[in-house]
């Protein structure tokens, strides 16, 4: 089953410096940007967080190790709020 890395820029209060929150998710179907955004929105509502940035979703690629995605998310432009990619097989 494909496993995705998802990270999003979040804040908990106005004026707070944004930080990355990350999770992995598995899906029997290919997840596109809108499906990733829906999953992030659900997490935001559960944890009482706010999405930071312009709300753009950015694809990081496929077949990378988790540590590579952690580095690549830091390279995302400031207007990008969510990044995701397909992790390599375990």
PDB file of N, CA and C in Angstrom:
ATOM      1  N   UNK A   1       0.854  -1.168   0.000  1.00  0.00           N
ATOM      2  CA  UNK A   1       0.000   0.000   0.000  1.00  0.00           C
ATOM      3  C   UNK A   1       0.906   1.239   0.000  1.00  0.00           C
ATOM      4  N   UNK A   2       0.656   2.191  -0.892  1.00  0.00           N
ATOM      5  CA  UNK A   2       1.488   3.393  -0.954  1.00  0.00           C
ATOM      6  C   UNK A   2       1.439   4.194   0.351  1.00  0.00           C
ATOM      7  N   UNK A   3       2.610   4.693   0.757  1.00  0.00           N
ATOM      8  CA  UNK A   3       2.711   5.503   1.974  1.00  0.00           C
ATOM      9  C   UNK A   3       3.225   6.880   1.591  1.00  0.00           C
ATOM     10  N   UNK A   4       2.509   7.900   2.036  1.00  0.00           N
ATOM     11  CA  UNK A   4       2.822   9.282   1.710  1.00  0.00           C
ATOM     12  C   UNK A   4       3.367  10.025   2.919  1.00  0.00           C
ATOM     13  N   UNK A   5       4.324  10.911   2.652  1.00  0.00           N
ATOM     14  CA  UNK A   5       4.805  11.871   3.643  1.00  0.00           C
ATOM     15  C   UNK A   5       4.052  13.170   3.385  1.00  0.00           C
ATOM     16  N   UNK A   6       3.495  13.772   4.434  1.00  0.00           N
ATOM     17  CA  UNK A   6       2.768  15.026   4.317  1.00  0.00           C
ATOM     18  C   UNK A   6       3.289  15.973   5.388  1.00  0.00           C
ATOM     19  N   UNK A   7       3.583  17.212   5.005  1.00  0.00           N
ATOM     20  CA  UNK A   7       4.004  18.234   5.967  1.00  0.00           C
ATOM     21  C   UNK A   7       3.245  19.513   5.666  1.00  0.00           C
ATOM     22  N   UNK A   8       2.940  20.248   6.720  1.00  0.00           N
ATOM     23  CA  UNK A   8       2.237  21.512   6.529  1.00  0.00           C
ATOM     24  C   UNK A   8       2.766  22.554   7.513  1.00  0.00           C
ATOM     25  N   UNK A   9       2.719  23.823   7.066  1.00  0.00           N
ATOM     26  CA  UNK A   9       3.134  24.926   7.929  1.00  0.00           C
ATOM     27  C   UNK A   9       1.940  25.330   8.773  1.00  0.00           C
ATOM     28  N   UNK A  10       2.159  25.380  10.083  1.00  0.00           N
ATOM     29  CA  UNK A  10       1.052  25.668  10.981  1.00  0.00           C
ATOM     30  C   UNK A  10       1.433  26.732  11.993  1.00  0.00           C
ATOM     31  N   UNK A  11       0.401  27.357  12.528  1.00  0.00           N
ATOM     32  CA  UNK A  11       0.540  28.237  13.683  1.00  0.00           C
ATOM     33  C   UNK A  11      -0.619  27.919  14.615  1.00  0.00           C
ATOM     34  N   UNK A  12      -0.438  28.238  15.884  1.00  0.00           N
ATOM     35  CA  UNK A  12      -1.514  28.022  16.849  1.00  0.00           C
ATOM     36  C   UNK A  12      -2.153  29.342  17.276  1.00  0.00           C
ATOM     37  N   UNK A  13      -1.406  30.453  17.089  1.00  0.00           N
ATOM     38  CA  UNK A  13      -1.919  31.783  17.440  1.00  0.00           C
ATOM     39  C   UNK A  13      -1.484  32.790  16.389  1.00  0.00           C
ATOM     40  N   UNK A  14      -2.203  33.890  16.292  1.00  0.00           N
ATOM     41  CA  UNK A  14      -1.827  34.962  15.375  1.00  0.00           C
ATOM     42  C   UNK A  14      -0.480  35.533  15.794  1.00  0.00           C
ATOM     43  N   UNK A  15       0.365  35.846  14.824  1.00  0.00           N
ATOM     44  CA  UNK A  15       1.664  36.429  15.093  1.00  0.00           C
ATOM     45  C   UNK A  15       2.740  35.428  15.465  1.00  0.00           C
ATOM     46  N   UNK A  16       2.379  34.168  15.605  1.00  0.00           N
ATOM     47  CA  UNK A  16       3.342  33.134  15.952  1.00  0.00           C
ATOM     48  C   UNK A  16       4.146  32.738  14.713  1.00  0.00           C
ATOM     49  N   UNK A  17       5.421  32.448  14.912  1.00  0.00           N
ATOM     50  CA  UNK A  17       6.259  31.976  13.816  1.00  0.00           C
ATOM     51  C   UNK A  17       5.761  30.597  13.371  1.00  0.00           C
ATOM     52  N   UNK A  18       5.557  30.386  12.062  1.00  0.00           N
ATOM     53  CA  UNK A  18       5.068  29.082  11.602  1.00  0.00           C
ATOM     54  C   UNK A  18       6.119  27.996  11.786  1.00  0.00           C
ATOM     55  N   UNK A  19       5.650  26.792  12.006  1.00  0.00           N
ATOM     56  CA  UNK A  19       6.535  25.638  12.088  1.00  0.00           C
ATOM     57  C   UNK A  19       5.918  24.501  11.298  1.00  0.00           C
ATOM     58  N   UNK A  20       6.753  23.545  10.918  1.00  0.00           N
ATOM     59  CA  UNK A  20       6.281  22.400  10.152  1.00  0.00           C
ATOM     60  C   UNK A  20       5.727  21.329  11.082  1.00  0.00           C
ATOM     61  N   UNK A  21       4.632  20.743  10.680  1.00  0.00           N
ATOM     62  CA  UNK A  21       4.090  19.538  11.311  1.00  0.00           C
ATOM     63  C   UNK A  21       4.054  18.489  10.199  1.00  0.00           C
ATOM     64  N   UNK A  22       4.357  17.253  10.534  1.00  0.00           N
ATOM     65  CA  UNK A  22       4.445  16.202   9.514  1.00  0.00           C
ATOM     66  C   UNK A  22       3.732  14.942   9.972  1.00  0.00           C
ATOM     67  N   UNK A  23       3.272  14.177   9.003  1.00  0.00           N
ATOM     68  CA  UNK A  23       2.713  12.863   9.278  1.00  0.00           C
ATOM     69  C   UNK A  23       2.835  12.007   8.027  1.00  0.00           C
ATOM     70  N   UNK A  24       2.656  10.711   8.198  1.00  0.00           N
ATOM     71  CA  UNK A  24       2.598   9.810   7.053  1.00  0.00           C
ATOM     72  C   UNK A  24       1.207   9.207   7.008  1.00  0.00           C
ATOM     73  N   UNK A  25       0.783   8.849   5.827  1.00  0.00           N
ATOM     74  CA  UNK A  25      -0.527   8.245   5.647  1.00  0.00           C
ATOM     75  C   UNK A  25      -0.437   7.209   4.536  1.00  0.00           C
ATOM     76  N   UNK A  26      -1.238   6.169   4.646  1.00  0.00           N
ATOM     77  CA  UNK A  26      -1.295   5.136   3.621  1.00  0.00           C
ATOM     78  C   UNK A  26      -2.645   5.190   2.923  1.00  0.00           C
ATOM     79  N   UNK A  27      -2.627   4.857   1.655  1.00  0.00           N
ATOM     80  CA  UNK A  27      -3.861   4.883   0.880  1.00  0.00           C
ATOM     81  C   UNK A  27      -3.795   3.831  -0.212  1.00  0.00           C
ATOM     82  N   UNK A  28      -4.908   3.169  -0.453  1.00  0.00           N
ATOM     83  CA  UNK A  28      -4.957   2.169  -1.515  1.00  0.00           C
ATOM     84  C   UNK A  28      -5.055   2.832  -2.886  1.00  0.00           C
ATOM     85  N   UNK A  29      -5.391   4.113  -2.903  1.00  0.00           N
ATOM     86  CA  UNK A  29      -5.477   4.850  -4.158  1.00  0.00           C
ATOM     87  C   UNK A  29      -4.438   5.966  -4.171  1.00  0.00           C
ATOM     88  N   UNK A  30      -4.141   6.479  -5.344  1.00  0.00           N
ATOM     89  CA  UNK A  30      -3.214   7.592  -5.475  1.00  0.00           C
ATOM     90  C   UNK A  30      -3.855   8.839  -4.886  1.00  0.00           C
ATOM     91  N   UNK A  31      -3.107   9.526  -4.031  1.00  0.00           N
ATOM     92  CA  UNK A  31      -3.625  10.754  -3.425  1.00  0.00           C
ATOM     93  C   UNK A  31      -3.148  11.960  -4.219  1.00  0.00           C
ATOM     94  N   UNK A  32      -4.088  12.789  -4.611  1.00  0.00           N
ATOM     95  CA  UNK A  32      -3.767  14.007  -5.329  1.00  0.00           C
ATOM     96  C   UNK A  32      -3.814  15.178  -4.354  1.00  0.00           C
ATOM     97  N   UNK A  33      -3.419  16.337  -4.834  1.00  0.00           N
ATOM     98  CA  UNK A  33      -3.293  17.522  -3.974  1.00  0.00           C
ATOM     99  C   UNK A  33      -4.561  17.814  -3.178  1.00  0.00           C
ATOM    100  N   UNK A  34      -5.731  17.712  -3.806  1.00  0.00           N
ATOM    101  CA  UNK A  34      -6.975  18.046  -3.091  1.00  0.00           C
ATOM    102  C   UNK A  34      -7.235  17.066  -1.943  1.00  0.00           C
ATOM    103  N   UNK A  35      -6.895  15.788  -2.125  1.00  0.00           N
ATOM    104  CA  UNK A  35      -7.094  14.789  -1.070  1.00  0.00           C
ATOM    105  C   UNK A  35      -6.112  15.019   0.080  1.00  0.00           C
ATOM    106  N   UNK A  36      -4.892  15.398  -0.250  1.00  0.00           N
ATOM    107  CA  UNK A  36      -3.900  15.719   0.784  1.00  0.00           C
ATOM    108  C   UNK A  36      -4.363  16.933   1.566  1.00  0.00           C
ATOM    109  N   UNK A  37      -4.850  17.944   0.868  1.00  0.00           N
ATOM    110  CA  UNK A  37      -5.328  19.170   1.532  1.00  0.00           C
ATOM    111  C   UNK A  37      -6.482  18.846   2.488  1.00  0.00           C
ATOM    112  N   UNK A  38      -7.393  17.957   2.084  1.00  0.00           N
ATOM    113  CA  UNK A  38      -8.507  17.546   2.957  1.00  0.00           C
ATOM    114  C   UNK A  38      -7.999  16.883   4.231  1.00  0.00           C
ATOM    115  N   UNK A  39      -6.997  16.028   4.105  1.00  0.00           N
ATOM    116  CA  UNK A  39      -6.426  15.366   5.290  1.00  0.00           C
ATOM    117  C   UNK A  39      -5.766  16.372   6.220  1.00  0.00           C
ATOM    118  N   UNK A  40      -5.079  17.338   5.644  1.00  0.00           N
ATOM    119  CA  UNK A  40      -4.450  18.384   6.462  1.00  0.00           C
ATOM    120  C   UNK A  40      -5.521  19.212   7.170  1.00  0.00           C
ATOM    121  N   UNK A  41      -6.575  19.575   6.467  1.00  0.00           N
ATOM    122  CA  UNK A  41      -7.661  20.366   7.071  1.00  0.00           C
ATOM    123  C   UNK A  41      -8.278  19.623   8.258  1.00  0.00           C
ATOM    124  N   UNK A  42      -8.443  18.310   8.139  1.00  0.00           N
ATOM    125  CA  UNK A  42      -8.984  17.522   9.254  1.00  0.00           C
ATOM    126  C   UNK A  42      -8.061  17.573  10.460  1.00  0.00           C
ATOM    127  N   UNK A  43      -6.752  17.430  10.220  1.00  0.00           N
ATOM    128  CA  UNK A  43      -5.784  17.512  11.324  1.00  0.00           C
ATOM    129  C   UNK A  43      -5.801  18.883  11.979  1.00  0.00           C
ATOM    130  N   UNK A  44      -5.869  19.930  11.165  1.00  0.00           N
ATOM    131  CA  UNK A  44      -5.903  21.287  11.699  1.00  0.00           C
ATOM    132  C   UNK A  44      -7.095  21.469  12.629  1.00  0.00           C
ATOM    133  N   UNK A  45      -8.251  20.977  12.226  1.00  0.00           N
ATOM    134  CA  UNK A  45      -9.454  21.144  13.041  1.00  0.00           C
ATOM    135  C   UNK A  45      -9.369  20.347  14.336  1.00  0.00           C
ATOM    136  N   UNK A  46      -8.761  19.170  14.293  1.00  0.00           N
ATOM    137  CA  UNK A  46      -8.629  18.340  15.493  1.00  0.00           C
ATOM    138  C   UNK A  46      -7.673  18.985  16.496  1.00  0.00           C
ATOM    139  N   UNK A  47      -6.557  19.532  15.996  1.00  0.00           N
ATOM    140  CA  UNK A  47      -5.539  20.086  16.883  1.00  0.00           C
ATOM    141  C   UNK A  47      -5.698  21.586  17.146  1.00  0.00           C
ATOM    142  N   UNK A  48      -6.694  22.221  16.534  1.00  0.00           N
ATOM    143  CA  UNK A  48      -6.915  23.645  16.745  1.00  0.00           C
ATOM    144  C   UNK A  48      -5.813  24.514  16.165  1.00  0.00           C
ATOM    145  N   UNK A  49      -5.244  24.090  15.056  1.00  0.00           N
ATOM    146  CA  UNK A  49      -4.150  24.822  14.417  1.00  0.00           C
ATOM    147  C   UNK A  49      -4.674  25.585  13.209  1.00  0.00           C
ATOM    148  N   UNK A  50      -3.842  26.506  12.713  1.00  0.00           N
ATOM    149  CA  UNK A  50      -4.174  27.279  11.514  1.00  0.00           C
ATOM    150  C   UNK A  50      -3.099  27.039  10.472  1.00  0.00           C
ATOM    151  N   UNK A  51      -3.521  26.914   9.226  1.00  0.00           N
ATOM    152  CA  UNK A  51      -2.589  26.728   8.122  1.00  0.00           C
ATOM    153  C   UNK A  51      -1.923  28.058   7.813  1.00  0.00           C
ATOM    154  N   UNK A  52      -0.607  28.044   7.628  1.00  0.00           N
ATOM    155  CA  UNK A  52       0.148  29.253   7.329  1.00  0.00           C
ATOM    156  C   UNK A  52       0.533  29.259   5.853  1.00  0.00           C
ATOM    157  N   UNK A  53       0.559  30.417   5.256  1.00  0.00           N
ATOM    158  CA  UNK A  53       0.952  30.550   3.853  1.00  0.00           C
ATOM    159  C   UNK A  53      -0.265  30.776   2.975  1.00  0.00           C
ATOM    160  N   UNK A  54      -0.047  30.686   1.677  1.00  0.00           N
ATOM    161  CA  UNK A  54      -1.102  30.958   0.700  1.00  0.00           C
ATOM    162  C   UNK A  54      -1.982  29.742   0.432  1.00  0.00           C
ATOM    163  N   UNK A  55      -1.717  28.636   1.079  1.00  0.00           N
ATOM    164  CA  UNK A  55      -2.541  27.445   0.908  1.00  0.00           C
ATOM    165  C   UNK A  55      -2.130  26.557  -0.246  1.00  0.00           C
ATOM    166  N   UNK A  56      -1.009  26.879  -0.893  1.00  0.00           N
ATOM    167  CA  UNK A  56      -0.566  26.064  -2.019  1.00  0.00           C
ATOM    168  C   UNK A  56      -0.071  24.698  -1.545  1.00  0.00           C
ATOM    169  N   UNK A  57      -0.324  23.680  -2.375  1.00  0.00           N
ATOM    170  CA  UNK A  57       0.113  22.315  -2.101  1.00  0.00           C
ATOM    171  C   UNK A  57       1.172  21.964  -3.139  1.00  0.00           C
ATOM    172  N   UNK A  58       2.301  21.437  -2.674  1.00  0.00           N
ATOM    173  CA  UNK A  58       3.456  21.192  -3.540  1.00  0.00           C
ATOM    174  C   UNK A  58       3.873  19.721  -3.476  1.00  0.00           C
ATOM    175  N   UNK A  59       4.043  19.098  -4.636  1.00  0.00           N
ATOM    176  CA  UNK A  59       4.464  17.700  -4.750  1.00  0.00           C
ATOM    177  C   UNK A  59       5.989  17.630  -4.656  1.00  0.00           C
ATOM    178  N   UNK A  60       6.511  16.818  -3.740  1.00  0.00           N
ATOM    179  CA  UNK A  60       7.955  16.682  -3.556  1.00  0.00           C
ATOM    180  C   UNK A  60       8.569  15.558  -4.382  1.00  0.00           C
ATOM    181  N   UNK A  61       7.760  14.671  -4.888  1.00  0.00           N
ATOM    182  CA  UNK A  61       8.295  13.583  -5.697  1.00  0.00           C
ATOM    183  C   UNK A  61       7.986  12.221  -5.115  1.00  0.00           C
ATOM    184  N   UNK A  62       8.671  11.232  -5.627  1.00  0.00           N
ATOM    185  CA  UNK A  62       8.387   9.855  -5.247  1.00  0.00           C
ATOM    186  C   UNK A  62       9.668   9.081  -4.980  1.00  0.00           C
ATOM    187  N   UNK A  63       9.551   8.068  -4.129  1.00  0.00           N
ATOM    188  CA  UNK A  63      10.642   7.141  -3.912  1.00  0.00           C
ATOM    189  C   UNK A  63      11.771   7.617  -3.032  1.00  0.00           C
ATOM    190  N   UNK A  64      11.560   8.668  -2.263  1.00  0.00           N
ATOM    191  CA  UNK A  64      12.607   9.181  -1.381  1.00  0.00           C
ATOM    192  C   UNK A  64      12.469   8.588   0.018  1.00  0.00           C
ATOM    193  N   UNK A  65      13.550   8.644   0.770  1.00  0.00           N
ATOM    194  CA  UNK A  65      13.505   8.255   2.167  1.00  0.00           C
ATOM    195  C   UNK A  65      12.939   9.412   2.973  1.00  0.00           C
ATOM    196  N   UNK A  66      12.444   9.111   4.154  1.00  0.00           N
ATOM    197  CA  UNK A  66      11.829  10.121   5.018  1.00  0.00           C
ATOM    198  C   UNK A  66      12.766  11.295   5.273  1.00  0.00           C
ATOM    199  N   UNK A  67      14.013  11.035   5.549  1.00  0.00           N
ATOM    200  CA  UNK A  67      14.954  12.109   5.861  1.00  0.00           C
ATOM    201  C   UNK A  67      15.106  13.077   4.679  1.00  0.00           C
ATOM    202  N   UNK A  68      15.042  12.571   3.461  1.00  0.00           N
ATOM    203  CA  UNK A  68      15.127  13.438   2.282  1.00  0.00           C
ATOM    204  C   UNK A  68      13.925  14.374   2.212  1.00  0.00           C
ATOM    205  N   UNK A  69      12.741  13.877   2.544  1.00  0.00           N
ATOM    206  CA  UNK A  69      11.553  14.728   2.534  1.00  0.00           C
ATOM    207  C   UNK A  69      11.640  15.807   3.608  1.00  0.00           C
ATOM    208  N   UNK A  70      12.207  15.463   4.757  1.00  0.00           N
ATOM    209  CA  UNK A  70      12.356  16.448   5.821  1.00  0.00           C
ATOM    210  C   UNK A  70      13.248  17.601   5.383  1.00  0.00           C
ATOM    211  N   UNK A  71      14.274  17.294   4.627  1.00  0.00           N
ATOM    212  CA  UNK A  71      15.163  18.337   4.102  1.00  0.00           C
ATOM    213  C   UNK A  71      14.464  19.123   2.998  1.00  0.00           C
ATOM    214  N   UNK A  72      13.800  18.438   2.093  1.00  0.00           N
ATOM    215  CA  UNK A  72      13.173  19.096   0.940  1.00  0.00           C
ATOM    216  C   UNK A  72      12.022  20.010   1.336  1.00  0.00           C
ATOM    217  N   UNK A  73      11.322  19.714   2.421  1.00  0.00           N
ATOM    218  CA  UNK A  73      10.218  20.594   2.835  1.00  0.00           C
ATOM    219  C   UNK A  73      10.743  21.973   3.223  1.00  0.00           C
ATOM    220  N   UNK A  74      11.951  22.029   3.763  1.00  0.00           N
ATOM    221  CA  UNK A  74      12.550  23.304   4.163  1.00  0.00           C
ATOM    222  C   UNK A  74      12.867  24.189   2.960  1.00  0.00           C
ATOM    223  N   UNK A  75      12.978  23.592   1.792  1.00  0.00           N
ATOM    224  CA  UNK A  75      13.292  24.328   0.567  1.00  0.00           C
ATOM    225  C   UNK A  75      12.046  24.882  -0.120  1.00  0.00           C
ATOM    226  N   UNK A  76      10.877  24.584   0.405  1.00  0.00           N
ATOM    227  CA  UNK A  76       9.623  25.040  -0.225  1.00  0.00           C
ATOM    228  C   UNK A  76       9.501  26.562  -0.109  1.00  0.00           C
ATOM    229  N   UNK A  77       9.004  27.221  -1.160  1.00  0.00           N
ATOM    230  CA  UNK A  77       8.790  28.669  -1.104  1.00  0.00           C
ATOM    231  C   UNK A  77       7.798  29.040   0.002  1.00  0.00           C
ATOM    232  N   UNK A  78       7.859  30.267   0.520  1.00  0.00           N
ATOM    233  CA  UNK A  78       7.017  30.676   1.644  1.00  0.00           C
ATOM    234  C   UNK A  78       5.510  30.587   1.386  1.00  0.00           C
ATOM    235  N   UNK A  79       5.093  30.728   0.130  1.00  0.00           N
ATOM    236  CA  UNK A  79       3.653  30.682  -0.159  1.00  0.00           C
ATOM    237  C   UNK A  79       3.098  29.262  -0.125  1.00  0.00           C
ATOM    238  N   UNK A  80       3.977  28.268  -0.105  1.00  0.00           N
ATOM    239  CA  UNK A  80       3.554  26.868  -0.058  1.00  0.00           C
ATOM    240  C   UNK A  80       3.220  26.501   1.384  1.00  0.00           C
ATOM    241  N   UNK A  81       2.008  25.994   1.591  1.00  0.00           N
ATOM    242  CA  UNK A  81       1.545  25.627   2.927  1.00  0.00           C
ATOM    243  C   UNK A  81       1.670  24.135   3.198  1.00  0.00           C
ATOM    244  N   UNK A  82       1.545  23.326   2.148  1.00  0.00           N
ATOM    245  CA  UNK A  82       1.539  21.867   2.301  1.00  0.00           C
ATOM    246  C   UNK A  82       2.476  21.266   1.265  1.00  0.00           C
ATOM    247  N   UNK A  83       3.297  20.303   1.704  1.00  0.00           N
ATOM    248  CA  UNK A  83       4.136  19.541   0.780  1.00  0.00           C
ATOM    249  C   UNK A  83       3.860  18.058   1.022  1.00  0.00           C
ATOM    250  N   UNK A  84       3.986  17.266  -0.026  1.00  0.00           N
ATOM    251  CA  UNK A  84       3.791  15.825   0.137  1.00  0.00           C
ATOM    252  C   UNK A  84       4.556  15.058  -0.925  1.00  0.00           C
ATOM    253  N   UNK A  85       4.781  13.788  -0.642  1.00  0.00           N
ATOM    254  CA  UNK A  85       5.482  12.932  -1.579  1.00  0.00           C
ATOM    255  C   UNK A  85       5.261  11.474  -1.221  1.00  0.00           C
ATOM    256  N   UNK A  86       5.576  10.623  -2.169  1.00  0.00           N
ATOM    257  CA  UNK A  86       5.406   9.180  -1.998  1.00  0.00           C
ATOM    258  C   UNK A  86       6.707   8.600  -1.470  1.00  0.00           C
ATOM    259  N   UNK A  87       6.646   8.001  -0.286  1.00  0.00           N
ATOM    260  CA  UNK A  87       7.834   7.412   0.327  1.00  0.00           C
ATOM    261  C   UNK A  87       8.253   6.149  -0.402  1.00  0.00           C
ATOM    262  N   UNK A  88       9.555   5.846  -0.348  1.00  0.00           N
ATOM    263  CA  UNK A  88      10.034   4.609  -0.953  1.00  0.00           C
ATOM    264  C   UNK A  88       9.463   3.422  -0.204  1.00  0.00           C
ATOM    265  N   UNK A  89       9.433   2.285  -0.872  1.00  0.00           N
ATOM    266  CA  UNK A  89       8.945   1.055  -0.231  1.00  0.00           C
ATOM    267  C   UNK A  89       9.821   0.709   0.959  1.00  0.00           C
ATOM    268  N   UNK A  90       9.180   0.140   1.958  1.00  0.00           N
ATOM    269  CA  UNK A  90       9.916  -0.220   3.178  1.00  0.00           C
ATOM    270  C   UNK A  90      10.846  -1.371   2.951  1.00  0.00           C
TER     271      UNK A  90
END
